[in-house]
Amino acid sequence: MRRLAYISTLLAVWIAGMLALMLGMDSLWHPPFSPQALFAGGYWAALSSVALAEELVEWLSQKTPKSVVLLPPRCHAGLAHH
């Protein structure tokens, strides 16, 4: 539950960063140029993109299918015994 809240928060930060980035890029063509929105939006969107990707990979890697049976840690399958 905590991980889902963290992923949702990262997703909200990513959306807000992308919106600020789009606002900054839109202001390039219109007179009130706002470089703060461009830089802050790019920074937060990039930061949350990396954190979100890392968190999603970690979350998806923990879900192992039930049909997969893992070998014991000291199992030497396929090695010949002398």
Protein backbone atom coordinates (compact mmCIF):
# COMPACT_ATOMS: atom_id res chain seq x y z
CA MET A 1 0.00 0.00 0.00
CA ARG A 2 2.85 2.34 0.85
CA ARG A 3 4.61 1.62 -2.45
CA LEU A 4 1.42 2.36 -4.38
CA ALA A 5 1.12 5.73 -2.61
CA TYR A 6 4.77 6.48 -3.40
CA ILE A 7 4.30 5.58 -7.08
CA SER A 8 1.14 7.71 -7.22
CA THR A 9 2.99 10.66 -5.71
CA LEU A 10 5.84 10.27 -8.20
CA LEU A 11 3.33 10.10 -11.02
CA ALA A 12 1.66 13.32 -9.81
CA VAL A 13 5.07 15.06 -9.58
CA TRP A 14 5.91 13.85 -13.10
CA ILE A 15 2.62 15.20 -14.48
CA ALA A 16 3.10 18.55 -12.73
CA GLY A 17 6.68 18.76 -14.01
CA MET A 18 5.58 17.99 -17.56
CA LEU A 19 2.84 20.62 -17.33
CA ALA A 20 5.36 23.21 -16.10
CA LEU A 21 7.74 22.19 -18.89
CA MET A 22 4.99 22.62 -21.47
CA LEU A 23 4.07 26.00 -19.96
CA GLY A 24 7.70 27.10 -20.21
CA MET A 25 7.98 25.90 -23.79
CA ASP A 26 4.73 27.62 -24.71
CA SER A 27 6.04 30.87 -23.24
CA LEU A 28 8.96 30.77 -25.72
CA TRP A 29 6.54 31.86 -28.46
CA HIS A 30 4.42 34.23 -26.37
CA PRO A 31 5.70 37.48 -24.78
CA PRO A 32 5.77 36.66 -21.04
CA PHE A 33 8.74 34.27 -21.21
CA SER A 34 9.13 32.31 -17.99
CA PRO A 35 12.42 30.40 -17.88
CA GLN A 36 11.76 29.34 -14.28
CA ALA A 37 8.85 27.16 -15.38
CA LEU A 38 10.97 25.68 -18.15
CA PHE A 39 13.90 24.79 -15.89
CA ALA A 40 11.87 23.72 -12.85
CA GLY A 41 9.49 21.64 -14.94
CA GLY A 42 12.35 19.93 -16.76
CA TYR A 43 14.18 19.24 -13.51
CA TRP A 44 11.20 17.75 -11.67
CA ALA A 45 9.98 15.80 -14.67
CA ALA A 46 13.42 14.25 -15.21
CA LEU A 47 13.94 13.50 -11.52
CA SER A 48 10.55 11.87 -11.07
CA SER A 49 10.89 9.95 -14.36
CA VAL A 50 14.04 8.24 -13.13
CA ALA A 51 12.62 7.57 -9.65
CA LEU A 52 9.35 6.31 -11.11
CA ALA A 53 11.09 3.97 -13.54
CA GLU A 54 13.30 2.59 -10.75
CA GLU A 55 10.36 2.08 -8.42
CA LEU A 56 8.23 0.39 -11.09
CA VAL A 57 11.03 -2.00 -12.04
CA GLU A 58 11.58 -2.90 -8.39
CA TRP A 59 7.86 -3.38 -7.83
CA LEU A 60 7.41 -5.55 -10.92
CA SER A 61 10.49 -7.64 -10.18
CA GLN A 62 9.11 -8.67 -6.78
CA LYS A 63 6.03 -10.23 -8.36
CA THR A 64 7.22 -13.71 -9.26
CA PRO A 65 4.77 -16.14 -10.79
CA LYS A 66 3.59 -18.98 -8.57
CA SER A 67 4.40 -21.59 -11.23
CA VAL A 68 8.13 -20.87 -10.98
CA VAL A 69 9.88 -22.99 -8.37
CA LEU A 70 13.21 -21.57 -7.29
CA LEU A 71 16.11 -23.92 -6.61
CA PRO A 72 17.57 -24.12 -3.12
CA PRO A 73 20.61 -21.85 -2.66
CA ARG A 74 23.13 -24.75 -2.42
CA CYS A 75 21.75 -26.88 -5.21
CA HIS A 76 24.48 -27.79 -7.72
CA ALA A 77 22.21 -28.93 -10.53
CA GLY A 78 24.06 -30.22 -13.56
CA LEU A 79 27.47 -30.44 -11.87
CA ALA A 80 29.16 -33.82 -11.69
CA HIS A 81 30.15 -35.01 -8.23
CA HIS A 82 33.65 -36.50 -7.84
